[in-house]
Amino acid sequence: MLPILLDYLRCPVTKEKLNLTVFKNGTKEYNGTEHEIILDGYLESSVMFYPVINGIPRLLVEAYKDYKEFLSANVSDYAARCEKIEAQYGDLIKVVEKKNRHTKKSFEIEWNLFNYEEDKVWDEDREGMLLRFIAENDETREGLNGQWILDAGCGNGMLNEDVASTGANIIGMDFSLSVERAFEKNKQATAFFIQGDVQFPPVAFNTFDIVHSSGVLICTNNSELTFSCLSPCLKENGKMSIWLYHPVKGFIHNLFNWMRNWTSKLPLRLQYFLYSITLLPISFIVKRIKGNKQNKREMMIDILDWFSPEFRWEHYHDEAEAWFLKRNFHQIKVTTNELFGFNIIGTKRAQ
């Protein structure tokens, strides 16, 4: 964690600024130069507290439980702090834990498969992903320079590194432990990584030039609710950009959606085994016949992305447009439209 990141972080529950206690500093190479970073410590608001482990702020509401071993070993009054949290926010913690349990594990398994040296993301190489990001956000490479961007659901983090290479400052936030590998691989000083929940964004409101969330809202319990949680992070005249699935007519598509209603409820390890001996061989044969050169890992990531999340919503274009209109956005338009989904953007009106 670079110290500048602290200016942009907030408690996901109270939205207070966070105070930092450092246990251990270290160095990391960015842009060919060694930078001093904060490796381990914790961030605290008036009630809540969150660990910084291996350079990454862990800003989930339930982080004090997820990282009990680290915090109890390093914070002398850990137990008393937990009692205070649960006295004030106990009901919230229970709701969040239940909401997040399956989704965190699902995406952790998915992105652990990814090979940074060999694999493409959604059939695109790194330049292709950057160009796609630029098109989805109706931007130019030069126009990104100097902007502050929140990538809400950054996955493997490769895109964040490439966006930062344009001169942008980008905070990549993900629910799962995929942020650990993203942070490790990243070599751009203006690409930052945090662990966070899109329904409790641990960043300052009214701050970002762009909030981008690709294929994430539709994997939460309520897409529009998640939109409403992220949109306050934008500054006036900032741009909200979301990629969503839309309904697709077709027997196979609807059959798969019907199947996942059942398979997504199975234990995740069982799902992985089931898909690897059924869907993966079929997918491999069909894609090779069609000339698709995806490797087996990439195909498995696609399969897991469809079948393993607890939620997978599909939305019509005018439905998503209404989300923007209800929250006083204008200049709303669909920027990309593909077989399975679309990207739509809007600009936050000045008050």
Protein backbone atom coordinates (compact mmCIF):
# COMPACT_ATOMS: atom_id res chain seq x y z
CA MET A 1 0.00 0.00 0.00
CA LEU A 2 1.36 3.38 -1.00
CA PRO A 3 0.65 6.14 1.57
CA ILE A 4 -1.24 8.30 -0.98
CA LEU A 5 -4.00 5.68 -1.07
CA LEU A 6 -5.04 6.59 2.48
CA ASP A 7 -6.48 9.90 1.20
CA TYR A 8 -9.07 7.99 -0.84
CA LEU A 9 -10.08 5.27 1.63
CA ARG A 10 -13.04 5.43 3.99
CA CYS A 11 -14.69 3.10 6.46
CA PRO A 12 -17.23 1.09 4.43
CA VAL A 13 -19.72 1.22 7.31
CA THR A 14 -19.46 4.77 8.69
CA LYS A 15 -17.73 6.55 5.75
CA GLU A 16 -15.30 8.13 8.22
CA LYS A 17 -11.68 8.77 7.32
CA LEU A 18 -9.38 5.99 8.46
CA ASN A 19 -6.39 6.21 10.75
CA LEU A 20 -3.42 4.00 9.94
CA THR A 21 -1.19 2.06 12.33
CA VAL A 22 1.85 0.53 10.62
CA PHE A 23 3.42 -2.73 11.74
CA LYS A 24 5.84 -3.27 8.89
CA ASN A 25 7.15 -1.32 5.89
CA GLY A 26 8.70 -2.76 2.76
CA THR A 27 9.59 -1.93 -0.82
CA LYS A 28 8.05 -2.72 -4.19
CA GLU A 29 9.25 -1.94 -7.69
CA TYR A 30 7.02 0.37 -9.71
CA ASN A 31 7.96 1.67 -13.14
CA GLY A 32 11.49 0.37 -12.65
CA THR A 33 11.99 2.23 -9.34
CA GLU A 34 11.85 0.94 -5.77
CA HIS A 35 9.11 2.56 -3.69
CA GLU A 36 8.56 2.29 0.05
CA ILE A 37 5.19 0.72 0.82
CA ILE A 38 3.18 -0.22 3.89
CA LEU A 39 3.18 -4.01 4.10
CA ASP A 40 1.30 -4.74 7.33
CA GLY A 41 -0.81 -2.70 9.70
CA TYR A 42 -4.41 -1.81 10.33
CA LEU A 43 -6.88 0.96 9.50
CA GLU A 44 -9.50 2.12 11.97
CA SER A 45 -12.52 4.37 12.24
CA SER A 46 -14.36 5.21 15.45
CA VAL A 47 -15.63 1.63 15.80
CA MET A 48 -14.51 -0.55 12.89
CA PHE A 49 -10.98 -1.72 12.06
CA TYR A 50 -9.44 -3.40 9.02
CA PRO A 51 -6.10 -5.09 8.42
CA VAL A 52 -3.48 -4.19 5.86
CA ILE A 53 -1.80 -7.49 4.95
CA ASN A 54 0.99 -7.91 2.40
CA GLY A 55 0.43 -4.40 1.11
CA ILE A 56 -3.34 -4.67 0.60
CA PRO A 57 -6.03 -2.93 2.70
CA ARG A 58 -8.70 -5.54 3.52
CA LEU A 59 -11.76 -3.31 3.75
CA LEU A 60 -14.64 -5.75 3.86
CA VAL A 61 -17.24 -5.09 6.55
CA GLU A 62 -16.52 -8.54 7.98
CA ALA A 63 -12.72 -8.24 7.69
CA TYR A 64 -12.20 -8.34 11.48
CA LYS A 65 -13.57 -11.91 11.34
CA ASP A 66 -12.02 -13.00 8.04
CA TYR A 67 -8.56 -11.99 9.29
CA LYS A 68 -8.95 -12.91 12.94
CA GLU A 69 -5.58 -14.71 13.11
CA PHE A 70 -3.63 -11.68 11.85
CA LEU A 71 -5.51 -9.09 13.90
CA SER A 72 -5.63 -11.03 17.16
CA ALA A 73 -1.86 -11.58 16.94
CA ASN A 74 -1.10 -7.89 16.29
CA VAL A 75 -3.82 -5.83 18.00
CA SER A 76 -3.66 -6.18 21.78
CA ASP A 77 -7.31 -5.26 22.42
CA TYR A 78 -8.68 -7.31 19.52
CA ALA A 79 -11.37 -9.04 21.59
CA ALA A 80 -12.64 -5.78 23.12
CA ARG A 81 -12.80 -4.16 19.67
CA CYS A 82 -14.82 -7.10 18.31
CA GLU A 83 -17.29 -6.80 21.19
CA LYS A 84 -17.76 -3.11 20.44
CA ILE A 85 -18.36 -3.79 16.74
CA GLU A 86 -20.88 -6.54 17.41
CA ALA A 87 -22.72 -4.49 20.02
CA GLN A 88 -23.23 -1.68 17.51
CA TYR A 89 -23.33 -3.47 14.15
CA GLY A 90 -23.99 -7.12 14.99
CA ASP A 91 -27.11 -7.44 12.82
CA LEU A 92 -25.37 -5.82 9.86
CA ILE A 93 -22.41 -8.17 10.18
CA LYS A 94 -24.69 -11.22 10.06
CA VAL A 95 -26.45 -9.98 6.93
CA VAL A 96 -23.19 -9.17 5.16
CA GLU A 97 -21.55 -12.48 6.06
CA LYS A 98 -24.49 -14.43 4.69
CA LYS A 99 -24.65 -12.28 1.55
CA ASN A 100 -20.95 -12.58 0.77
CA ARG A 101 -19.96 -16.10 1.77
CA HIS A 102 -20.63 -17.92 -1.51
CA THR A 103 -19.62 -15.09 -3.85
CA LYS A 104 -16.18 -14.58 -2.30
CA LYS A 105 -15.32 -18.25 -2.66
CA SER A 106 -16.77 -18.49 -6.16
CA PHE A 107 -14.65 -15.72 -7.64
CA GLU A 108 -11.58 -16.76 -5.68
CA ILE A 109 -11.69 -20.20 -7.33
CA GLU A 110 -12.30 -18.64 -10.75
CA TRP A 111 -9.37 -16.22 -10.71
CA ASN A 112 -6.96 -18.65 -9.04
CA LEU A 113 -7.04 -20.56 -12.33
CA PHE A 114 -5.77 -17.58 -14.31
CA ASN A 115 -2.21 -17.72 -15.66
CA TYR A 116 -0.81 -14.20 -16.03
CA GLU A 117 1.84 -15.24 -18.53
CA GLU A 118 -0.34 -17.28 -20.89
CA ASP A 119 -4.06 -16.54 -20.55
CA LYS A 120 -6.29 -13.96 -22.19
CA VAL A 121 -9.26 -12.31 -20.49
CA TRP A 122 -12.55 -12.86 -22.30
CA ASP A 123 -10.67 -13.71 -25.52
CA GLU A 124 -8.73 -10.41 -25.51
CA ASP A 125 -5.00 -9.83 -25.10
CA ARG A 126 -3.83 -6.95 -22.90
CA GLU A 127 -3.96 -4.30 -25.61
CA GLY A 128 -7.39 -5.57 -26.62
CA MET A 129 -8.65 -5.27 -23.05
CA LEU A 130 -7.35 -1.70 -22.78
CA LEU A 131 -9.00 -0.73 -26.07
CA ARG A 132 -12.21 -2.34 -24.88
CA PHE A 133 -12.06 -0.34 -21.64
CA ILE A 134 -11.54 2.87 -23.61
CA ALA A 135 -14.49 2.09 -25.89
CA GLU A 136 -16.78 1.08 -23.03
CA ASN A 137 -16.07 4.32 -21.19
CA ASP A 138 -16.29 6.47 -24.34
CA GLU A 139 -12.78 7.78 -23.65
CA THR A 140 -9.47 8.13 -25.45
CA ARG A 141 -6.10 6.88 -24.30
CA GLU A 142 -4.93 10.48 -23.89
CA GLY A 143 -8.13 11.48 -22.10
CA LEU A 144 -7.51 9.00 -19.29
CA ASN A 145 -4.32 10.79 -18.27
CA GLY A 146 -4.70 12.25 -14.75
CA GLN A 147 -8.16 10.85 -14.10
CA TRP A 148 -9.05 9.01 -10.88
CA ILE A 149 -10.90 5.78 -11.61
CA LEU A 150 -12.56 3.21 -9.36
CA ASP A 151 -12.67 -0.26 -10.92
CA ALA A 152 -15.34 -1.97 -8.84
CA GLY A 153 -14.61 -5.65 -9.37
CA CYS A 154 -11.11 -5.74 -10.86
CA GLY A 155 -10.66 -9.53 -11.04
CA ASN A 156 -7.09 -10.40 -12.00
CA GLY A 157 -6.02 -6.72 -12.09
CA MET A 158 -4.19 -6.83 -15.43
CA LEU A 159 -6.46 -4.18 -16.94
CA ASN A 160 -5.74 -1.84 -14.03
CA GLU A 161 -2.02 -1.96 -14.70
CA ASP A 162 -2.57 -1.13 -18.37
CA VAL A 163 -5.03 1.70 -17.61
CA ALA A 164 -2.47 3.16 -15.18
CA SER A 165 0.12 3.10 -17.98
CA THR A 166 -1.94 5.81 -19.75
CA GLY A 167 -1.32 8.19 -16.83
CA ALA A 168 -4.57 7.43 -15.00
CA ASN A 169 -4.84 6.71 -11.28
CA ILE A 170 -6.96 3.61 -10.76
CA ILE A 171 -8.09 1.83 -7.61
CA GLY A 172 -8.87 -1.80 -8.36
CA MET A 173 -11.26 -3.25 -5.82
CA ASP A 174 -12.33 -6.86 -5.63
CA PHE A 175 -14.30 -8.98 -3.25
CA SER A 176 -12.06 -12.00 -3.45
CA LEU A 177 -8.39 -12.75 -2.80
CA SER A 178 -7.69 -12.17 -6.51
CA VAL A 179 -6.36 -8.77 -5.36
CA GLU A 180 -3.34 -10.51 -3.84
CA ARG A 181 -2.02 -11.74 -7.19
CA ALA A 182 -3.08 -8.49 -8.86
CA PHE A 183 -1.01 -6.49 -6.37
CA GLU A 184 1.94 -8.86 -6.68
CA LYS A 185 2.04 -8.67 -10.50
CA ASN A 186 1.39 -4.94 -10.83
CA LYS A 187 4.32 -2.69 -11.81
CA GLN A 188 2.49 0.66 -12.14
CA ALA A 189 2.70 3.11 -9.22
CA THR A 190 -0.73 4.60 -10.00
CA ALA A 191 -2.57 1.26 -9.95
CA PHE A 192 -3.76 0.51 -6.42
CA PHE A 193 -5.53 -2.58 -5.09
CA ILE A 194 -7.91 -3.03 -2.18
CA GLN A 195 -10.27 -5.75 -1.02
CA GLY A 196 -13.79 -4.41 -0.77
CA ASP A 197 -17.51 -4.98 -1.28
CA VAL A 198 -19.31 -3.11 -4.10
CA GLN A 199 -22.33 -2.64 -1.83
CA PHE A 200 -20.11 -1.09 0.88
CA PRO A 201 -17.45 0.74 -1.18
CA PRO A 202 -14.59 1.68 1.17
CA VAL A 203 -13.68 4.87 -0.70
CA ALA A 204 -14.55 8.55 -0.44
CA PHE A 205 -17.81 9.72 -1.99
CA ASN A 206 -17.83 12.52 -4.63
CA THR A 207 -14.26 11.69 -5.62
CA PHE A 208 -13.85 9.72 -8.86
CA ASP A 209 -13.90 10.83 -12.47
CA ILE A 210 -14.98 7.34 -13.57
CA VAL A 211 -16.56 4.47 -11.70
CA HIS A 212 -16.30 1.36 -13.88
CA SER A 213 -17.86 -1.97 -13.00
CA SER A 214 -17.69 -4.69 -15.63
CA GLY A 215 -19.80 -7.82 -15.13
CA VAL A 216 -20.07 -7.32 -11.37
CA LEU A 217 -23.45 -5.77 -10.56
CA ILE A 218 -25.18 -8.76 -12.11
CA CYS A 219 -23.39 -11.10 -9.68
CA THR A 220 -24.75 -9.34 -6.58
CA ASN A 221 -28.08 -9.95 -4.86
CA ASN A 222 -29.60 -6.84 -6.48
CA SER A 223 -28.01 -5.10 -9.48
CA GLU A 224 -29.80 -1.77 -9.08
CA LEU A 225 -29.08 -1.66 -5.34
CA THR A 226 -25.39 -2.16 -6.09
CA PHE A 227 -25.54 0.61 -8.71
CA SER A 228 -26.98 2.95 -6.08
CA CYS A 229 -24.17 2.04 -3.65
CA LEU A 230 -21.43 2.82 -6.18
CA SER A 231 -22.81 5.95 -7.86
CA PRO A 232 -22.16 8.28 -4.87
CA CYS A 233 -18.42 7.65 -5.34
CA LEU A 234 -18.51 9.84 -8.46
CA LYS A 235 -17.74 13.53 -8.42
CA GLU A 236 -20.04 15.95 -10.27
CA ASN A 237 -19.78 15.40 -14.03
CA GLY A 238 -18.15 12.06 -13.33
CA LYS A 239 -18.96 9.06 -15.49
CA MET A 240 -20.59 5.81 -14.38
CA SER A 241 -19.84 2.81 -16.61
CA ILE A 242 -21.38 -0.63 -16.12
CA TRP A 243 -21.30 -3.85 -18.15
CA LEU A 244 -24.34 -6.10 -17.75
CA TYR A 245 -25.70 -9.32 -19.18
CA HIS A 246 -28.84 -8.94 -21.27
CA PRO A 247 -31.43 -11.62 -22.09
CA VAL A 248 -30.51 -13.83 -25.03
CA LYS A 249 -33.04 -15.76 -27.06
CA GLY A 250 -31.94 -19.32 -27.60
CA PHE A 251 -32.57 -22.80 -26.26
CA ILE A 252 -28.99 -23.48 -25.12
CA HIS A 253 -28.65 -20.13 -23.34
CA ASN A 254 -31.90 -20.59 -21.45
CA LEU A 255 -31.08 -24.23 -20.71
CA PHE A 256 -27.76 -23.19 -19.15
CA ASN A 257 -29.49 -20.52 -17.06
CA TRP A 258 -31.98 -23.13 -15.87
CA MET A 259 -29.15 -25.54 -15.04
CA ARG A 260 -27.22 -22.99 -13.03
CA ASN A 261 -30.26 -22.38 -10.83
CA TRP A 262 -29.51 -25.84 -9.46
CA THR A 263 -25.76 -26.32 -9.91
CA SER A 264 -24.83 -22.95 -8.34
CA LYS A 265 -26.21 -24.23 -5.03
CA LEU A 266 -23.78 -27.17 -4.94
CA PRO A 267 -20.51 -27.01 -2.95
CA LEU A 268 -17.96 -25.12 -5.06
CA ARG A 269 -15.39 -27.91 -5.18
CA LEU A 270 -18.07 -30.30 -6.37
CA GLN A 271 -19.11 -27.76 -9.01
CA TYR A 272 -15.55 -27.51 -10.27
CA PHE A 273 -15.26 -31.29 -10.62
CA LEU A 274 -18.70 -31.55 -12.24
CA TYR A 275 -18.01 -28.86 -14.84
CA SER A 276 -14.53 -30.19 -15.62
CA ILE A 277 -15.88 -33.61 -16.64
CA THR A 278 -19.07 -32.44 -18.38
CA LEU A 279 -19.14 -28.87 -19.71
CA LEU A 280 -15.40 -28.40 -20.27
CA PRO A 281 -14.96 -31.29 -22.79
CA ILE A 282 -18.08 -30.20 -24.70
CA SER A 283 -16.96 -26.56 -24.69
CA PHE A 284 -13.48 -27.53 -25.89
CA ILE A 285 -14.82 -29.50 -28.86
CA VAL A 286 -17.42 -26.92 -29.90
CA LYS A 287 -15.01 -23.98 -29.63
CA ARG A 288 -12.29 -25.78 -31.57
CA ILE A 289 -14.78 -26.58 -34.35
CA LYS A 290 -15.68 -22.86 -34.45
CA GLY A 291 -12.00 -21.91 -34.57
CA ASN A 292 -11.83 -20.49 -31.06
CA LYS A 293 -8.26 -20.82 -29.70
CA GLN A 294 -9.02 -20.50 -25.98
CA ASN A 295 -6.95 -22.81 -23.79
CA LYS A 296 -8.58 -25.08 -21.23
CA ARG A 297 -8.00 -22.71 -18.31
CA GLU A 298 -9.67 -19.84 -20.16
CA MET A 299 -12.62 -22.06 -21.03
CA MET A 300 -12.96 -23.20 -17.44
CA ILE A 301 -12.91 -19.61 -16.21
CA ASP A 302 -15.75 -18.82 -18.65
CA ILE A 303 -17.73 -21.82 -17.40
CA LEU A 304 -17.22 -20.95 -13.74
CA ASP A 305 -18.15 -17.33 -14.44
CA TRP A 306 -21.50 -18.48 -15.81
CA PHE A 307 -22.39 -21.35 -13.50
CA SER A 308 -20.78 -20.86 -10.09
CA PRO A 309 -21.86 -17.36 -8.89
CA GLU A 310 -24.85 -17.39 -6.58
CA PHE A 311 -26.44 -14.63 -8.69
CA ARG A 312 -26.41 -14.01 -12.45
CA TRP A 313 -28.97 -11.39 -13.46
CA GLU A 314 -29.83 -10.28 -16.99
CA HIS A 315 -31.18 -6.78 -17.73
CA TYR A 316 -32.67 -4.98 -20.71
CA HIS A 317 -31.04 -1.79 -21.98
CA ASP A 318 -33.97 0.47 -21.05
CA GLU A 319 -34.08 -1.07 -17.57
CA ALA A 320 -30.45 -0.06 -16.96
CA GLU A 321 -31.08 3.38 -18.46
CA ALA A 322 -33.81 3.90 -15.86
CA TRP A 323 -31.27 3.33 -13.06
CA PHE A 324 -29.26 6.28 -14.36
CA LEU A 325 -32.30 8.53 -14.89
CA LYS A 326 -33.64 7.92 -11.38
CA ARG A 327 -30.31 9.09 -9.96
CA ASN A 328 -30.10 12.30 -12.01
CA PHE A 329 -27.60 11.13 -14.63
CA HIS A 330 -27.64 12.42 -18.19
CA GLN A 331 -25.76 11.73 -21.45
CA ILE A 332 -26.76 8.08 -21.03
CA LYS A 333 -25.85 5.73 -23.84
CA VAL A 334 -24.92 2.15 -24.65
CA THR A 335 -21.27 2.15 -25.68
CA THR A 336 -20.81 -1.53 -26.56
CA ASN A 337 -23.38 -4.18 -27.39
CA GLU A 338 -22.37 -7.83 -27.68
CA LEU A 339 -24.00 -11.25 -27.85
CA PHE A 340 -24.27 -11.78 -24.10
CA GLY A 341 -24.12 -8.26 -22.72
CA PHE A 342 -23.66 -4.53 -23.10
CA ASN A 343 -21.92 -1.56 -21.53
CA ILE A 344 -23.86 1.57 -20.65
CA ILE A 345 -22.57 4.89 -19.33
CA GLY A 346 -24.02 8.08 -17.88
CA THR A 347 -22.72 11.37 -16.52
CA LYS A 348 -23.59 12.59 -13.03
CA ARG A 349 -25.27 16.00 -13.21
CA ALA A 350 -23.85 18.92 -11.29
CA GLN A 351 -26.11 19.83 -8.37
